[in-house]
Amino acid sequence: MSKKDKPAKIPQQQAIAARREVAVSYHHSGPLPDPVTFEKYEMIHPGSAERILRMAEEQSEHRRKLEDIVVRSRARDSLLGVIFAFLLGLTVIISGTIVIIKGYQVSGTLLSGAGLVGLVAVFIYGTRSARKERESKNF
């Protein structure tokens, strides 16, 4: 073999540069793509930008409806909790009063006192937890 037949040796740096690939990545967060990607969608498939916008609007509306349902159900549950706690406490206090009238003063007093303490405890706990929830949402 002559020198002309032999392949020319490429320096190691040139070989590495020839094999080097460039990778570009970016991150986007949100319901809609960035404007460049949006434009590419529209170029590839006309009308897709409008569909993507409509999908994002529908998803946003759906999320608001779910949030409304959650808020309403929490308010309902809170109201029902207060009503049932009041009825239970009132029942225990009335039962204690009936027991006192029947002649069992100590038992009736303990029963009525337990009902009263329970009502006060539920009220204080509910007030504190509501305040903590409001404070946590303000931050």
N, C-alpha and C. Protein backbone atom coordinates (compact mmCIF):
# COMPACT_ATOMS: atom_id res chain seq x y z
N MET A 1 0.83 -1.17 0.00
CA MET A 1 0.00 0.00 0.00
C MET A 1 0.87 1.23 0.00
N SER A 2 0.46 2.14 -0.78
CA SER A 2 1.19 3.41 -0.83
C SER A 2 0.54 4.39 0.12
N LYS A 3 1.21 5.52 0.27
CA LYS A 3 0.68 6.55 1.17
C LYS A 3 -0.66 7.06 0.68
N LYS A 4 -0.85 7.03 -0.61
CA LYS A 4 -2.10 7.53 -1.17
C LYS A 4 -3.27 6.59 -0.84
N ASP A 5 -3.02 5.32 -0.72
CA ASP A 5 -4.08 4.37 -0.44
C ASP A 5 -4.51 4.37 1.03
N LYS A 6 -3.61 4.76 1.92
CA LYS A 6 -3.92 4.76 3.34
C LYS A 6 -4.87 5.91 3.66
N PRO A 7 -5.84 5.65 4.51
CA PRO A 7 -6.71 6.76 4.92
C PRO A 7 -5.93 7.73 5.81
N ALA A 8 -6.24 8.98 5.64
CA ALA A 8 -5.56 10.00 6.42
C ALA A 8 -6.02 9.90 7.87
N LYS A 9 -5.06 10.04 8.77
CA LYS A 9 -5.40 9.97 10.19
C LYS A 9 -5.97 11.31 10.63
N ILE A 10 -7.09 11.23 11.33
CA ILE A 10 -7.73 12.43 11.85
C ILE A 10 -7.25 12.61 13.28
N PRO A 11 -6.84 13.81 13.64
CA PRO A 11 -6.43 14.01 15.04
C PRO A 11 -7.60 13.71 15.97
N GLN A 12 -7.26 13.33 17.18
CA GLN A 12 -8.26 12.90 18.14
C GLN A 12 -9.29 14.01 18.41
N GLN A 13 -8.87 15.25 18.49
CA GLN A 13 -9.81 16.35 18.75
C GLN A 13 -10.81 16.50 17.62
N GLN A 14 -10.37 16.34 16.39
CA GLN A 14 -11.29 16.44 15.26
C GLN A 14 -12.30 15.28 15.28
N ALA A 15 -11.86 14.11 15.68
CA ALA A 15 -12.76 12.96 15.76
C ALA A 15 -13.83 13.18 16.83
N ILE A 16 -13.40 13.72 17.95
CA ILE A 16 -14.36 14.00 19.02
C ILE A 16 -15.35 15.06 18.58
N ALA A 17 -14.86 16.11 17.91
CA ALA A 17 -15.74 17.19 17.45
C ALA A 17 -16.73 16.67 16.41
N ALA A 18 -16.31 15.72 15.59
CA ALA A 18 -17.19 15.18 14.56
C ALA A 18 -18.33 14.37 15.19
N ARG A 19 -18.07 13.74 16.35
CA ARG A 19 -19.09 12.93 17.00
C ARG A 19 -19.96 13.72 17.99
N ARG A 20 -19.61 14.93 18.26
CA ARG A 20 -20.33 15.72 19.26
C ARG A 20 -21.72 16.08 18.76
N GLU A 21 -22.67 15.89 19.61
CA GLU A 21 -24.05 16.25 19.29
C GLU A 21 -24.50 17.32 20.27
N VAL A 22 -25.37 18.16 19.81
CA VAL A 22 -25.89 19.21 20.67
C VAL A 22 -27.34 18.89 20.99
N ALA A 23 -27.65 18.91 22.27
CA ALA A 23 -29.03 18.68 22.71
C ALA A 23 -29.51 19.94 23.41
N VAL A 24 -30.67 20.41 22.99
CA VAL A 24 -31.25 21.58 23.60
C VAL A 24 -32.57 21.16 24.23
N SER A 25 -32.77 21.55 25.46
CA SER A 25 -34.04 21.26 26.10
C SER A 25 -34.49 22.49 26.87
N TYR A 26 -35.79 22.59 27.03
CA TYR A 26 -36.35 23.67 27.83
C TYR A 26 -37.56 23.13 28.55
N HIS A 27 -37.94 23.84 29.56
CA HIS A 27 -39.07 23.40 30.38
C HIS A 27 -40.13 24.50 30.38
N HIS A 28 -41.36 24.08 30.22
CA HIS A 28 -42.47 25.02 30.25
C HIS A 28 -43.53 24.47 31.18
N SER A 29 -44.10 25.34 31.97
CA SER A 29 -45.14 24.93 32.90
C SER A 29 -46.37 25.78 32.67
N GLY A 30 -47.51 25.14 32.62
CA GLY A 30 -48.75 25.88 32.43
C GLY A 30 -49.66 25.15 31.47
N PRO A 31 -50.89 25.61 31.35
CA PRO A 31 -51.84 24.92 30.50
C PRO A 31 -51.62 25.15 29.01
N LEU A 32 -50.92 26.21 28.66
CA LEU A 32 -50.71 26.54 27.25
C LEU A 32 -49.23 26.47 26.91
N PRO A 33 -48.91 26.04 25.69
CA PRO A 33 -47.51 26.03 25.28
C PRO A 33 -47.00 27.45 25.05
N ASP A 34 -45.68 27.57 24.97
CA ASP A 34 -45.10 28.89 24.70
C ASP A 34 -45.44 29.30 23.26
N PRO A 35 -45.32 30.59 22.92
CA PRO A 35 -45.74 31.07 21.60
C PRO A 35 -45.05 30.38 20.42
N VAL A 36 -43.78 30.05 20.56
CA VAL A 36 -43.06 29.39 19.46
C VAL A 36 -43.66 28.01 19.20
N THR A 37 -43.88 27.25 20.25
CA THR A 37 -44.46 25.92 20.10
C THR A 37 -45.89 26.03 19.60
N PHE A 38 -46.61 27.02 20.08
CA PHE A 38 -47.98 27.27 19.64
C PHE A 38 -48.01 27.48 18.13
N GLU A 39 -47.08 28.29 17.63
CA GLU A 39 -47.01 28.58 16.20
C GLU A 39 -46.66 27.32 15.40
N LYS A 40 -45.77 26.50 15.95
CA LYS A 40 -45.40 25.26 15.27
C LYS A 40 -46.59 24.30 15.18
N TYR A 41 -47.37 24.21 16.26
CA TYR A 41 -48.58 23.38 16.22
C TYR A 41 -49.50 23.86 15.09
N GLU A 42 -49.69 25.15 15.01
CA GLU A 42 -50.59 25.72 14.00
C GLU A 42 -50.05 25.46 12.59
N MET A 43 -48.73 25.53 12.42
CA MET A 43 -48.15 25.29 11.09
C MET A 43 -48.31 23.82 10.69
N ILE A 44 -48.13 22.92 11.64
CA ILE A 44 -48.24 21.50 11.34
C ILE A 44 -49.69 21.10 11.08
N HIS A 45 -50.59 21.60 11.91
CA HIS A 45 -51.99 21.23 11.78
C HIS A 45 -52.84 22.49 11.96
N PRO A 46 -53.27 23.10 10.88
CA PRO A 46 -54.07 24.33 11.00
C PRO A 46 -55.31 24.12 11.86
N GLY A 47 -55.56 25.07 12.75
CA GLY A 47 -56.70 25.00 13.64
C GLY A 47 -56.37 24.39 15.00
N SER A 48 -55.16 23.83 15.12
CA SER A 48 -54.81 23.19 16.39
C SER A 48 -54.62 24.21 17.50
N ALA A 49 -54.16 25.41 17.19
CA ALA A 49 -53.99 26.43 18.22
C ALA A 49 -55.34 26.78 18.85
N GLU A 50 -56.36 26.90 18.03
CA GLU A 50 -57.71 27.20 18.54
C GLU A 50 -58.21 26.05 19.43
N ARG A 51 -57.94 24.83 19.02
CA ARG A 51 -58.35 23.67 19.80
C ARG A 51 -57.64 23.63 21.15
N ILE A 52 -56.35 23.96 21.15
CA ILE A 52 -55.59 23.97 22.40
C ILE A 52 -56.12 25.04 23.33
N LEU A 53 -56.41 26.22 22.80
CA LEU A 53 -56.98 27.30 23.61
C LEU A 53 -58.33 26.89 24.21
N ARG A 54 -59.18 26.30 23.39
CA ARG A 54 -60.49 25.86 23.85
C ARG A 54 -60.35 24.80 24.94
N MET A 55 -59.41 23.88 24.76
CA MET A 55 -59.18 22.83 25.75
C MET A 55 -58.73 23.44 27.09
N ALA A 56 -57.83 24.43 27.04
CA ALA A 56 -57.37 25.08 28.26
C ALA A 56 -58.51 25.83 28.95
N GLU A 57 -59.36 26.49 28.16
CA GLU A 57 -60.50 27.22 28.74
C GLU A 57 -61.49 26.25 29.39
N GLU A 58 -61.75 25.12 28.73
CA GLU A 58 -62.67 24.13 29.28
C GLU A 58 -62.12 23.53 30.57
N GLN A 59 -60.81 23.26 30.59
CA GLN A 59 -60.19 22.70 31.78
C GLN A 59 -60.25 23.70 32.94
N SER A 60 -60.04 24.96 32.64
CA SER A 60 -60.11 26.00 33.67
C SER A 60 -61.53 26.11 34.23
N GLU A 61 -62.51 26.07 33.35
CA GLU A 61 -63.91 26.13 33.79
C GLU A 61 -64.26 24.91 34.65
N HIS A 62 -63.78 23.75 34.24
CA HIS A 62 -64.03 22.51 35.00
C HIS A 62 -63.42 22.62 36.39
N ARG A 63 -62.18 23.14 36.48
CA ARG A 63 -61.51 23.28 37.77
C ARG A 63 -62.28 24.24 38.68
N ARG A 64 -62.78 25.35 38.12
CA ARG A 64 -63.56 26.30 38.92
C ARG A 64 -64.86 25.66 39.43
N LYS A 65 -65.50 24.85 38.60
CA LYS A 65 -66.73 24.18 39.04
C LYS A 65 -66.43 23.21 40.18
N LEU A 66 -65.34 22.46 40.06
CA LEU A 66 -64.98 21.53 41.13
C LEU A 66 -64.66 22.27 42.43
N GLU A 67 -63.95 23.38 42.32
CA GLU A 67 -63.64 24.18 43.51
C GLU A 67 -64.92 24.70 44.15
N ASP A 68 -65.88 25.11 43.34
CA ASP A 68 -67.15 25.59 43.86
C ASP A 68 -67.89 24.48 44.60
N ILE A 69 -67.86 23.27 44.03
CA ILE A 69 -68.51 22.13 44.68
C ILE A 69 -67.85 21.84 46.03
N VAL A 70 -66.51 21.89 46.06
CA VAL A 70 -65.79 21.62 47.31
C VAL A 70 -66.13 22.67 48.37
N VAL A 71 -66.16 23.94 47.97
CA VAL A 71 -66.47 25.01 48.93
C VAL A 71 -67.88 24.85 49.47
N ARG A 72 -68.83 24.57 48.58
CA ARG A 72 -70.22 24.40 49.02
C ARG A 72 -70.38 23.19 49.94
N SER A 73 -69.70 22.09 49.62
CA SER A 73 -69.85 20.90 50.45
C SER A 73 -69.19 21.10 51.82
N ARG A 74 -68.08 21.82 51.87
CA ARG A 74 -67.46 22.10 53.17
C ARG A 74 -68.36 22.99 54.01
N ALA A 75 -68.99 23.97 53.39
CA ALA A 75 -69.90 24.85 54.13
C ALA A 75 -71.09 24.05 54.65
N ARG A 76 -71.64 23.16 53.81
CA ARG A 76 -72.76 22.32 54.22
C ARG A 76 -72.36 21.40 55.37
N ASP A 77 -71.18 20.77 55.24
CA ASP A 77 -70.71 19.86 56.28
C ASP A 77 -70.49 20.61 57.60
N SER A 78 -69.97 21.81 57.50
CA SER A 78 -69.74 22.61 58.70
C SER A 78 -71.06 22.95 59.38
N LEU A 79 -72.03 23.36 58.58
CA LEU A 79 -73.34 23.71 59.14
C LEU A 79 -74.01 22.48 59.77
N LEU A 80 -73.96 21.35 59.08
CA LEU A 80 -74.54 20.13 59.63
C LEU A 80 -73.84 19.71 60.92
N GLY A 81 -72.52 19.87 60.96
CA GLY A 81 -71.77 19.54 62.17
C GLY A 81 -72.20 20.38 63.35
N VAL A 82 -72.39 21.67 63.11
CA VAL A 82 -72.84 22.56 64.19
C VAL A 82 -74.24 22.19 64.64
N ILE A 83 -75.12 21.94 63.69
CA ILE A 83 -76.51 21.59 64.03
C ILE A 83 -76.56 20.30 64.84
N PHE A 84 -75.87 19.25 64.37
CA PHE A 84 -75.92 17.97 65.08
C PHE A 84 -75.22 18.05 66.44
N ALA A 85 -74.14 18.80 66.54
CA ALA A 85 -73.48 18.97 67.83
C ALA A 85 -74.41 19.67 68.81
N PHE A 86 -75.12 20.69 68.33
CA PHE A 86 -76.07 21.40 69.18
C PHE A 86 -77.19 20.46 69.64
N LEU A 87 -77.74 19.70 68.70
CA LEU A 87 -78.83 18.78 69.06
C LEU A 87 -78.36 17.70 70.04
N LEU A 88 -77.17 17.19 69.82
CA LEU A 88 -76.63 16.17 70.73
C LEU A 88 -76.41 16.76 72.12
N GLY A 89 -75.80 17.94 72.17
CA GLY A 89 -75.57 18.58 73.47
C GLY A 89 -76.87 18.90 74.17
N LEU A 90 -77.84 19.41 73.43
CA LEU A 90 -79.14 19.73 74.01
C LEU A 90 -79.83 18.47 74.53
N THR A 91 -79.73 17.38 73.80
CA THR A 91 -80.32 16.11 74.22
C THR A 91 -79.69 15.63 75.52
N VAL A 92 -78.36 15.73 75.61
CA VAL A 92 -77.67 15.28 76.82
C VAL A 92 -78.06 16.17 78.01
N ILE A 93 -78.14 17.48 77.79
CA ILE A 93 -78.52 18.39 78.88
C ILE A 93 -79.96 18.12 79.33
N ILE A 94 -80.87 17.93 78.40
CA ILE A 94 -82.27 17.63 78.74
C ILE A 94 -82.36 16.29 79.47
N SER A 95 -81.59 15.31 78.99
CA SER A 95 -81.58 14.00 79.66
C SER A 95 -81.08 14.13 81.09
N GLY A 96 -80.04 14.93 81.28
CA GLY A 96 -79.52 15.15 82.63
C GLY A 96 -80.55 15.82 83.53
N THR A 97 -81.29 16.78 82.95
CA THR A 97 -82.33 17.45 83.72
C THR A 97 -83.43 16.47 84.12
N ILE A 98 -83.81 15.60 83.22
CA ILE A 98 -84.83 14.58 83.52
C ILE A 98 -84.33 13.65 84.62
N VAL A 99 -83.05 13.28 84.56
CA VAL A 99 -82.47 12.40 85.58
C VAL A 99 -82.49 13.11 86.93
N ILE A 100 -82.19 14.41 86.96
CA ILE A 100 -82.24 15.18 88.22
C ILE A 100 -83.66 15.20 88.77
N ILE A 101 -84.65 15.43 87.89
CA ILE A 101 -86.05 15.47 88.32
C ILE A 101 -86.47 14.11 88.88
N LYS A 102 -85.94 13.03 88.33
CA LYS A 102 -86.30 11.68 88.81
C LYS A 102 -85.67 11.39 90.18
N GLY A 103 -84.77 12.28 90.63
CA GLY A 103 -84.21 12.08 91.97
C GLY A 103 -82.75 11.70 92.00
N TYR A 104 -82.11 11.63 90.89
CA TYR A 104 -80.70 11.28 90.85
C TYR A 104 -79.88 12.54 90.55
N GLN A 105 -79.73 13.39 91.58
CA GLN A 105 -79.11 14.70 91.37
C GLN A 105 -77.66 14.61 90.91
N VAL A 106 -76.86 13.76 91.51
CA VAL A 106 -75.43 13.67 91.15
C VAL A 106 -75.29 13.18 89.72
N SER A 107 -75.97 12.11 89.38
CA SER A 107 -75.87 11.56 88.01
C SER A 107 -76.40 12.56 86.99
N GLY A 108 -77.51 13.21 87.30
CA GLY A 108 -78.07 14.19 86.38
C GLY A 108 -77.17 15.38 86.18
N THR A 109 -76.56 15.84 87.28
CA THR A 109 -75.64 16.98 87.19
C THR A 109 -74.42 16.62 86.34
N LEU A 110 -73.87 15.42 86.57
CA LEU A 110 -72.71 14.98 85.77
C LEU A 110 -73.08 14.86 84.29
N LEU A 111 -74.25 14.30 84.02
CA LEU A 111 -74.68 14.15 82.63
C LEU A 111 -74.89 15.51 81.96
N SER A 112 -75.58 16.41 82.63
CA SER A 112 -75.80 17.74 82.07
C SER A 112 -74.49 18.51 81.92
N GLY A 113 -73.64 18.38 82.93
CA GLY A 113 -72.33 19.06 82.86
C GLY A 113 -71.48 18.54 81.72
N ALA A 114 -71.52 17.22 81.49
CA ALA A 114 -70.75 16.63 80.38
C ALA A 114 -71.28 17.15 79.05
N GLY A 115 -72.59 17.28 78.94
CA GLY A 115 -73.16 17.82 77.71
C GLY A 115 -72.76 19.26 77.47
N LEU A 116 -72.77 20.05 78.54
CA LEU A 116 -72.38 21.46 78.43
C LEU A 116 -70.90 21.59 78.09
N VAL A 117 -70.06 20.82 78.76
CA VAL A 117 -68.61 20.85 78.48
C VAL A 117 -68.35 20.41 77.05
N GLY A 118 -69.07 19.41 76.59
CA GLY A 118 -68.90 18.95 75.20
C GLY A 118 -69.25 20.03 74.19
N LEU A 119 -70.35 20.74 74.44
CA LEU A 119 -70.74 21.83 73.53
C LEU A 119 -69.68 22.94 73.49
N VAL A 120 -69.21 23.32 74.65
CA VAL A 120 -68.18 24.38 74.73
C VAL A 120 -66.90 23.92 74.04
N ALA A 121 -66.50 22.67 74.28
CA ALA A 121 -65.27 22.15 73.68
C ALA A 121 -65.38 22.13 72.15
N VAL A 122 -66.50 21.69 71.62
CA VAL A 122 -66.69 21.65 70.16
C VAL A 122 -66.66 23.06 69.59
N PHE A 123 -67.28 23.99 70.27
CA PHE A 123 -67.29 25.38 69.81
C PHE A 123 -65.87 25.95 69.78
N ILE A 124 -65.11 25.75 70.85
CA ILE A 124 -63.75 26.28 70.91
C ILE A 124 -62.87 25.62 69.85
N TYR A 125 -62.97 24.30 69.71
CA TYR A 125 -62.17 23.59 68.71
C TYR A 125 -62.51 24.07 67.30
N GLY A 126 -63.79 24.21 67.01
CA GLY A 126 -64.20 24.67 65.68
C GLY A 126 -63.72 26.08 65.39
N THR A 127 -63.79 26.96 66.39
CA THR A 127 -63.33 28.34 66.20
C THR A 127 -61.83 28.38 65.96
N ARG A 128 -61.07 27.61 66.73
CA ARG A 128 -59.60 27.60 66.56
C ARG A 128 -59.20 27.02 65.21
N SER A 129 -59.81 25.91 64.81
CA SER A 129 -59.43 25.29 63.54
C SER A 129 -59.80 26.19 62.37
N ALA A 130 -60.93 26.89 62.46
CA ALA A 130 -61.30 27.82 61.39
C ALA A 130 -60.31 28.97 61.31
N ARG A 131 -59.86 29.47 62.46
CA ARG A 131 -58.89 30.56 62.48
C ARG A 131 -57.55 30.10 61.90
N LYS A 132 -57.11 28.90 62.28
CA LYS A 132 -55.84 28.37 61.75
C LYS A 132 -55.91 28.19 60.23
N GLU A 133 -57.05 27.73 59.74
CA GLU A 133 -57.21 27.54 58.30
C GLU A 133 -57.16 28.88 57.57
N ARG A 134 -57.81 29.89 58.12
CA ARG A 134 -57.77 31.23 57.50
C ARG A 134 -56.36 31.79 57.50
N GLU A 135 -55.64 31.60 58.62
CA GLU A 135 -54.28 32.11 58.72
C GLU A 135 -53.36 31.39 57.74
N SER A 136 -53.53 30.09 57.58
CA SER A 136 -52.66 29.34 56.66
C SER A 136 -52.92 29.74 55.20
N LYS A 137 -54.13 30.13 54.88
CA LYS A 137 -54.45 30.54 53.51
C LYS A 137 -53.99 31.96 53.21
N ASN A 138 -53.75 32.76 54.26
CA ASN A 138 -53.29 34.13 54.04
C ASN A 138 -51.81 34.17 53.65
N PHE A 139 -51.06 33.12 53.94
CA PHE A 139 -49.64 33.11 53.61
C PHE A 139 -49.37 32.56 52.28
